Every structure is written in C-alpha cells, then in structure tokens.
Protein backbone atom coordinates (compact mmCIF):
# COMPACT_ATOMS: atom_id res chain seq x y z
CA MET A 1 0.00 0.00 0.00
CA ILE A 2 1.19 3.52 -0.84
CA LEU A 3 0.86 6.22 1.83
CA LEU A 4 -0.12 9.63 0.47
CA VAL A 5 0.40 12.42 2.99
CA SER A 6 -1.74 15.10 1.39
CA HIS A 7 -5.20 16.67 1.61
CA ASP A 8 -8.32 17.27 -0.49
CA GLU A 9 -7.40 20.88 -1.25
CA ASP A 10 -4.27 19.75 -3.11
CA ASP A 11 -5.27 19.64 -6.77
CA HIS A 12 -2.56 17.04 -7.44
CA LEU A 13 -4.13 14.44 -5.13
CA ALA A 14 -7.12 13.33 -7.25
CA PRO A 15 -5.04 12.85 -10.44
CA MET A 16 -2.49 10.87 -8.43
CA LEU A 17 -5.15 8.60 -6.96
CA SER A 18 -6.56 8.01 -10.45
CA ALA A 19 -3.12 7.25 -11.89
CA LEU A 20 -2.37 4.77 -9.10
CA ALA A 21 -5.73 3.06 -9.50
CA ALA A 22 -5.16 2.78 -13.25
CA ILE A 23 -2.07 0.63 -12.66
CA GLY A 24 -3.65 -1.41 -9.87
CA SER A 25 -1.91 0.22 -6.90
CA GLU A 26 -3.65 0.62 -3.57
CA ALA A 27 -3.19 3.91 -1.76
CA VAL A 28 -4.33 5.53 1.48
CA VAL A 29 -4.49 9.28 2.16
CA VAL A 30 -3.56 10.86 5.47
CA ASP A 31 -4.26 14.54 6.15
CA THR A 32 -1.89 15.70 8.88
CA ALA A 33 -4.23 18.59 9.72
CA GLY A 34 -6.28 15.99 11.59
CA LEU A 35 -3.53 15.23 14.10
CA PRO A 36 -3.62 14.45 16.95
CA ALA A 37 -7.38 13.96 17.47
CA ALA A 38 -9.20 13.24 14.18
CA VAL A 39 -6.11 11.36 13.01
CA GLY A 40 -4.47 9.43 15.83
CA MET A 41 -0.97 8.04 16.10
CA ALA A 42 0.63 5.20 18.01
CA ALA A 43 4.31 4.26 18.03
CA GLU A 44 5.26 1.21 20.10
CA HIS A 45 8.91 0.34 20.83
CA GLY A 46 10.22 -2.61 22.77
CA PRO A 47 12.63 -5.54 22.80
CA ARG A 48 10.67 -7.25 20.02
CA GLY A 49 10.85 -4.28 17.68
CA ASP A 50 8.73 -1.34 16.62
CA ARG A 51 5.14 -0.89 15.53
CA TRP A 52 3.86 2.25 13.79
CA ARG A 53 0.16 2.94 13.34
CA LEU A 54 -2.20 5.74 12.36
CA ARG A 55 -5.90 5.95 13.20
CA LEU A 56 -7.53 7.38 10.10
CA ALA A 57 -10.42 9.83 9.97
CA ASP A 58 -12.90 6.95 9.54
CA GLY A 59 -11.70 5.37 12.80
CA ALA A 60 -9.81 2.46 11.22
CA TRP A 61 -6.22 1.82 12.26
CA LEU A 62 -3.56 1.58 9.57
CA ASP A 63 -0.49 -0.52 10.36
CA LEU A 64 2.28 1.31 8.52
CA ASP A 65 4.27 -1.88 8.02
CA ARG A 66 1.83 -2.40 5.15
CA CYS A 67 3.15 0.68 3.34
CA GLY A 68 6.24 0.28 1.21
CA SER A 69 6.37 3.79 -0.23
CA GLY A 70 5.04 7.21 0.63
CA TRP A 71 4.38 10.54 -1.07
CA TRP A 72 5.12 13.52 1.16
CA ARG A 73 3.01 16.12 -0.57
CA ARG A 74 2.65 19.49 1.18
CA PRO A 75 1.30 18.24 4.53
CA ARG A 76 -0.77 20.68 6.55
CA PRO A 77 0.06 21.59 10.16
CA PRO A 78 -2.20 20.12 12.84
CA ALA A 79 -5.29 22.23 13.38
CA HIS A 80 -5.91 24.07 16.64
CA ASP A 81 -8.14 22.08 18.97
CA PRO A 82 -10.98 24.38 20.17
CA ARG A 83 -11.13 22.44 23.45
CA ILE A 84 -7.85 24.12 24.44
CA THR A 85 -8.79 27.72 25.20
CA ASP A 86 -5.60 28.93 26.88
CA PRO A 87 -3.10 30.21 24.26
CA MET A 88 -0.08 29.00 26.23
CA GLU A 89 -1.59 25.54 26.62
CA ALA A 90 -2.45 25.49 22.91
CA ALA A 91 1.15 26.37 22.01
CA TRP A 92 2.42 23.64 24.33
CA ALA A 93 0.07 21.05 22.83
CA ALA A 94 1.09 22.03 19.30
CA ASN A 95 4.76 21.61 20.20
CA GLU A 96 4.09 18.22 21.78
CA THR A 97 2.42 17.10 18.55
CA TYR A 98 5.36 18.38 16.53
CA GLU A 99 7.89 16.61 18.76
CA ALA A 100 5.98 13.34 18.53
CA MET A 101 5.54 13.43 14.76
CA ALA A 102 8.89 14.87 13.63
CA GLY A 103 10.68 11.63 14.42
CA PHE A 104 7.70 9.43 13.57
CA TRP A 105 7.70 10.10 9.82
CA GLY A 106 11.44 9.74 9.34
CA ALA A 107 11.63 6.48 11.29
CA LEU A 108 8.90 4.70 9.33
CA PRO A 109 9.98 1.68 7.24
CA ILE A 110 8.83 3.54 4.13
CA THR A 111 10.67 4.73 1.02
CA TRP A 112 9.59 8.35 0.69
CA VAL A 113 9.16 10.60 -2.32
CA SER A 114 10.87 12.40 -0.82
CA PRO A 115 12.02 12.02 2.83
CA PRO A 116 10.44 14.79 4.91
CA ALA A 117 13.76 15.87 6.44
CA ALA A 118 15.37 16.06 2.98
CA ILE A 119 12.48 18.19 1.68
CA GLU A 120 12.75 20.56 4.62
CA THR A 121 16.47 21.11 4.02
CA ALA A 122 16.27 21.32 0.23
CA MET A 123 13.55 23.99 0.36
CA MET A 124 16.02 26.44 1.87
CA LYS A 125 17.35 28.83 -0.76
CA THR A 126 20.56 29.37 1.18
CA TRP A 127 21.19 25.61 0.92
CA GLN A 128 20.12 25.24 -2.71
CA LEU A 129 22.42 27.71 -4.42
CA PRO A 130 25.80 26.43 -3.18
CA ALA A 131 24.58 22.86 -3.66
CA ALA A 132 23.56 23.63 -7.25
CA ARG A 133 26.93 25.24 -7.97
CA ALA A 134 28.73 22.22 -6.46
CA ALA A 135 26.65 19.93 -8.70
CA GLY A 136 27.94 21.77 -11.76
CA LEU A 137 25.06 24.15 -12.46
CA GLU A 138 25.49 27.82 -13.27
CA ILE A 139 23.85 30.07 -10.68
CA PRO A 140 23.27 33.84 -10.62
CA GLU A 141 25.31 36.02 -8.31
CA THR A 142 23.18 36.24 -5.18
CA LEU A 143 23.05 38.08 -1.87
CA VAL A 144 20.77 37.15 1.01
CA THR A 145 20.86 39.85 3.66
CA SER A 146 19.07 41.73 6.41
CA ASP A 147 21.60 44.56 6.29
CA PRO A 148 20.62 47.65 4.24
CA GLU A 149 24.22 48.65 3.49
CA GLU A 150 25.04 45.19 2.17
CA ALA A 151 21.95 45.37 -0.04
CA ARG A 152 22.87 48.83 -1.38
CA SER A 153 26.44 47.77 -2.06
CA PHE A 154 25.26 44.72 -4.04
CA VAL A 155 22.79 46.74 -6.11
CA ASP A 156 25.32 49.53 -6.73
CA ARG A 157 27.97 47.07 -7.85
CA LEU A 158 25.77 45.24 -10.36
CA GLY A 159 24.15 48.43 -11.57
CA PRO A 160 20.62 49.84 -11.97
CA THR A 161 18.01 47.40 -13.31
CA ARG A 162 20.54 44.55 -13.12
CA VAL A 163 19.24 43.14 -9.82
CA ILE A 164 16.00 41.38 -8.92
CA CYS A 165 14.61 40.76 -5.44
CA LYS A 166 12.37 37.97 -4.26
CA ALA A 167 10.94 36.42 -1.12
CA PHE A 168 11.79 33.07 0.41
CA SER A 169 8.19 31.90 0.51
CA ALA A 170 4.79 32.72 -0.88
CA THR A 171 1.33 32.16 0.56
CA GLU A 172 -2.11 33.36 -0.48
CA THR A 173 -1.97 36.09 2.16
CA HIS A 174 1.71 36.97 1.71
CA TRP A 175 2.53 36.57 -1.96
CA ARG A 176 5.41 38.47 -3.53
CA GLU A 177 6.32 38.36 -7.20
CA THR A 178 9.90 38.54 -8.38
CA ARG A 179 10.70 42.23 -8.87
CA GLN A 180 13.43 44.21 -10.57
CA VAL A 181 15.17 46.64 -8.20
CA GLY A 182 14.43 50.10 -9.58
CA SER A 183 14.46 53.48 -7.91
CA ALA A 184 11.31 52.79 -5.87
CA GLU A 185 12.70 49.52 -4.51
CA TYR A 186 16.10 51.10 -3.87
CA GLU A 187 14.46 53.65 -1.58
CA LEU A 188 12.97 50.84 0.49
CA LEU A 189 16.16 48.88 1.15
CA ASP A 190 16.18 49.87 4.83
CA ARG A 191 13.22 47.52 5.23
CA VAL A 192 15.42 44.44 4.83
CA GLN A 193 16.08 44.89 8.56
CA LEU A 194 12.57 43.58 9.12
CA ALA A 195 13.16 40.33 7.23
CA PRO A 196 16.02 39.02 5.05
CA VAL A 197 15.57 39.40 1.29
CA ILE A 198 17.06 37.55 -1.67
CA PHE A 199 18.86 39.87 -4.11
CA GLN A 200 20.01 38.28 -7.32
CA GLU A 201 21.75 39.16 -10.54
CA PHE A 202 19.15 39.64 -13.27
CA VAL A 203 19.42 36.80 -15.79
CA PRO A 204 18.13 37.67 -19.26
CA ALA A 205 15.93 34.96 -20.75
CA GLU A 206 15.18 33.52 -24.13
CA VAL A 207 12.75 31.24 -22.25
CA ASP A 208 12.11 30.17 -18.70
CA LEU A 209 12.45 26.46 -18.04
CA ARG A 210 10.44 24.29 -15.68
CA VAL A 211 12.25 21.00 -15.22
CA THR A 212 10.27 18.31 -13.40
CA ILE A 213 12.41 15.41 -12.22
CA VAL A 214 10.73 12.14 -11.23
CA GLY A 215 13.42 9.63 -10.28
CA GLU A 216 15.53 9.16 -13.40
CA HIS A 217 12.96 10.80 -15.67
CA VAL A 218 13.37 14.46 -16.62
CA PHE A 219 10.49 16.47 -18.09
CA ALA A 220 11.66 19.86 -19.32
CA ALA A 221 9.25 22.55 -20.50
CA ALA A 222 10.16 25.85 -22.16
CA ILE A 223 7.92 28.67 -20.96
CA GLU A 224 7.57 31.65 -23.29
CA SER A 225 7.84 34.09 -20.41
CA GLN A 226 9.16 36.91 -22.56
CA GLU A 227 5.83 37.07 -24.39
CA LEU A 228 4.01 37.92 -21.14
CA PRO A 229 3.19 41.46 -19.95
CA TYR A 230 5.36 40.82 -16.88
CA PRO A 231 8.22 38.61 -18.10
CA LEU A 232 10.00 38.44 -14.75
CA ASP A 233 7.51 36.04 -13.15
CA PHE A 234 5.30 33.75 -15.23
CA ARG A 235 3.52 32.56 -12.04
CA LEU A 236 1.37 35.69 -12.17
CA PHE A 237 -0.44 34.31 -15.22
CA LEU A 238 -0.92 30.64 -14.33
CA ASP A 239 -4.39 31.12 -12.82
CA THR A 240 -5.60 34.13 -14.75
CA GLY A 241 -7.10 32.33 -17.73
CA ARG A 242 -4.76 34.29 -19.97
CA GLY A 243 -2.69 31.18 -20.61
CA VAL A 244 1.06 30.70 -20.54
CA SER A 245 2.60 29.31 -23.69
CA MET A 246 4.94 26.38 -23.07
CA ARG A 247 6.27 23.39 -24.92
CA PRO A 248 8.43 20.33 -24.23
CA ALA A 249 12.14 21.11 -24.31
CA VAL A 250 15.40 19.19 -24.44
CA LEU A 251 18.23 19.98 -22.05
CA PRO A 252 21.92 19.42 -22.74
CA ASP A 253 23.21 16.19 -21.21
CA VAL A 254 25.60 18.08 -18.94
CA VAL A 255 22.69 20.02 -17.44
CA VAL A 256 20.61 16.86 -16.91
CA GLU A 257 23.57 15.15 -15.22
CA ALA A 258 24.13 18.16 -12.97
CA LEU A 259 20.45 18.23 -11.97
CA HIS A 260 20.59 14.55 -11.02
CA ARG A 261 23.68 15.24 -8.93
CA LEU A 262 21.85 18.06 -7.17
CA LEU A 263 18.83 15.92 -6.29
CA LYS A 264 21.08 13.08 -5.14
CA ALA A 265 22.99 15.47 -2.89
CA ALA A 266 19.67 16.69 -1.49
CA GLY A 267 18.34 13.17 -0.94
CA LEU A 268 15.35 13.87 -3.18
CA ARG A 269 13.53 11.57 -5.58
CA TYR A 270 11.45 14.42 -6.96
CA GLY A 271 12.08 18.08 -7.70
CA ALA A 272 10.55 20.92 -9.72
CA VAL A 273 13.41 23.08 -10.93
CA ASP A 274 13.17 26.62 -12.28
CA MET A 275 15.89 27.69 -14.71
CA ARG A 276 16.43 30.25 -17.45
CA ARG A 277 17.92 29.70 -20.88
CA THR A 278 19.67 32.89 -21.84
CA PRO A 279 19.77 34.35 -25.36
CA ASP A 280 23.35 33.08 -25.70
CA GLY A 281 22.32 29.53 -24.78
CA ARG A 282 23.39 29.25 -21.12
CA HIS A 283 21.22 27.31 -18.67
CA VAL A 284 21.06 29.12 -15.33
CA PHE A 285 19.66 27.48 -12.19
CA LEU A 286 17.27 29.59 -10.11
CA GLU A 287 15.71 27.23 -7.56
CA VAL A 288 14.31 23.78 -6.87
CA ASN A 289 11.01 23.10 -5.15
CA PRO A 290 11.08 19.60 -3.58
CA ALA A 291 7.26 19.49 -3.58
CA GLY A 292 6.55 21.76 -6.52
CA GLN A 293 3.54 21.65 -8.79
CA TRP A 294 3.55 19.95 -12.17
CA LEU A 295 -0.08 19.82 -13.34
CA PHE A 296 0.13 23.23 -15.03
CA VAL A 297 2.97 21.85 -17.15
CA GLU A 298 1.31 18.52 -17.86
CA GLU A 299 -1.98 20.13 -18.93
CA VAL A 300 -0.28 22.31 -21.54
CA THR A 301 2.57 20.12 -22.81
CA GLY A 302 0.98 16.68 -22.46
CA GLN A 303 4.04 15.35 -20.63
CA GLN A 304 3.00 12.32 -18.56
CA ILE A 305 4.39 13.47 -15.22
CA THR A 306 1.56 12.15 -13.02
CA ALA A 307 1.81 8.69 -14.58
CA SER A 308 5.57 8.71 -14.08
CA MET A 309 5.16 9.60 -10.40
CA ALA A 310 2.55 6.87 -9.94
CA ARG A 311 4.86 4.29 -11.51
CA MET A 312 7.78 5.35 -9.30
CA LEU A 313 5.69 5.12 -6.14
CA THR A 314 4.41 1.71 -7.23
CA ASP A 315 7.90 0.40 -8.03
CA LEU A 316 9.19 1.59 -4.65
CA ASP A 317 6.18 0.06 -2.87
CA ARG A 318 6.86 -3.37 -4.39
CA ARG A 319 10.57 -3.55 -3.59
C-alpha cells in the first residue's frame, strides 16, 4: 500500500489517486491537519521491535508496516483544537504534537518521495544555491541579507536594473512576485532589517524552463515568459485564464547530469526546478522546489508526469 500524505485541497491528489488506481496500486491518504485527534498516532517500541500505526479519519487503524512507499506532498500543520482555550496551553500542545511526529515520519519503514527531512532542508534557498553550484550548475550572483548597506552595495555594484529581489516563501496572504530593483525599490532597502531578502543578478531569458524530475525521468518545458506582460515572473499568469505558452524542451546532457547530482545530494527523488535559458544559450539554475507543482505543465505540454510519479511510487512500494 502507498501512503499519500496530502489533503483534499491539493489539486494534485485526485489525479495521483486516479493514476495509481489505473495501474492497480492501492493507496491511502492521510491529512496531517487531523492530528492528533481526528487522526491518531501510536508508536510502540520494545525488545521485540517497533510498531507504527495511524488511526484514520474513519476510525480504522492503519499498520504502517503495510506501506512500502510514501508521497510527502505538502502536509498541513495540525489544526488548533478548540477544546484548548488557553493560548499558552495550545502552544504547548502544538509543540508536543510536533515533537511526537517529527521523528515518527522519518523512522517509518517507508521509502519516501521524498524524505520529509530532505524536503525541509532542500527547500532552503541558502542551501540550494551552493549545492547547485557544487553539482555543476550555473547560478546567478546572489546576496541574502538583512543589512541595508550590504543590499545597497550589491545593487550599486551590479548596476541599476541589473538586480531582482524575491521572497523566500509565498502564501495566499503573503505573496510576492519577483521584482526588478528600480528606484522605488532602492528607496525601500532599509526595510530588509525587518526580514532578510534575496537579491540576485538579473538573468536575461530567451525562455524560462520548468524542469520536473521524477526519479531518473526528466520532463523539461520551455515557458515563453518573454511574451508575457510581466516577463520576470510567469507565475502571475498561471491562474488568470490568460494562458502561458509552453512546450516540451530538451536539455543538454551536462545540465541533466548536474540536476541529477543536485537531487542526489539533497536526498530527493522528486524536484521541480526553475531555470532560465539565456539568449546566448546558457542554462542558469534559479531554484528547486522539492514538492513543486507539475499539473500546469502537464496540462499544456501533455508530458505524462503524473503517470511517471505513480509508476515510481508503485515500483518503490513493491521492492
């Protein structure tokens, strides 16, 4: 059985369940937002070994020895229990749940796509860039800082309009597009004292590249970002109905080999990589999302990424 740690609001879950069913694979979904009440946990340890179980939302217990592989797909934090009315007690209970579960997932006898600890590390931009360079990928000159003078010095050295800035994370309530540092942004550099910012050399693009890696399989798509009204960040147009033009692409072997080295160094079996192909033909690494989306690529290009993921999870489950 394949364990899918996900939730109904993830638009990738239903296609994955369908793809697994199509090849005869049994799967079970666990929504971590239900912990520790609606979804229960039990970890037993003793001289005869270990036993790991989850009580699912329907009340049935799942013995995790039955699961050979697992998909760690954007789990949600446990929800606040309304029975705990004191904020300090609520914070304590949340931390107890975290402490119990942090070791639970990593210790399971499951082959993960990908291991939760590896995903957590690989999501960090300050880890990614040196790791990508060490793997043989070209990266943009980058500064991460909370010091205004460091930020000004970096922007001054590279020159006006030659620097972009971006956030570490994006949510529905705090979403920030990639922006070019112009005069307005330059005047706001003192604000980096409030939270560190990523400043990066602007990389001109012929096309943006979304490279989805599923085990040994690499699905590259060229995104015609320069045709968009805001060519710095194609994400602005993915849900607008305007449409983003993209097509399957072929990467040089040396780039593919470097990407595999990067994922191996990160301990990942899956990664969604953003790159740019410059007008002079260079392939520049920007970032990797260990749990990134792929449906928007699959729907436009026809690349069979969901089926590939389902096959990998099935192969790992049957080892």
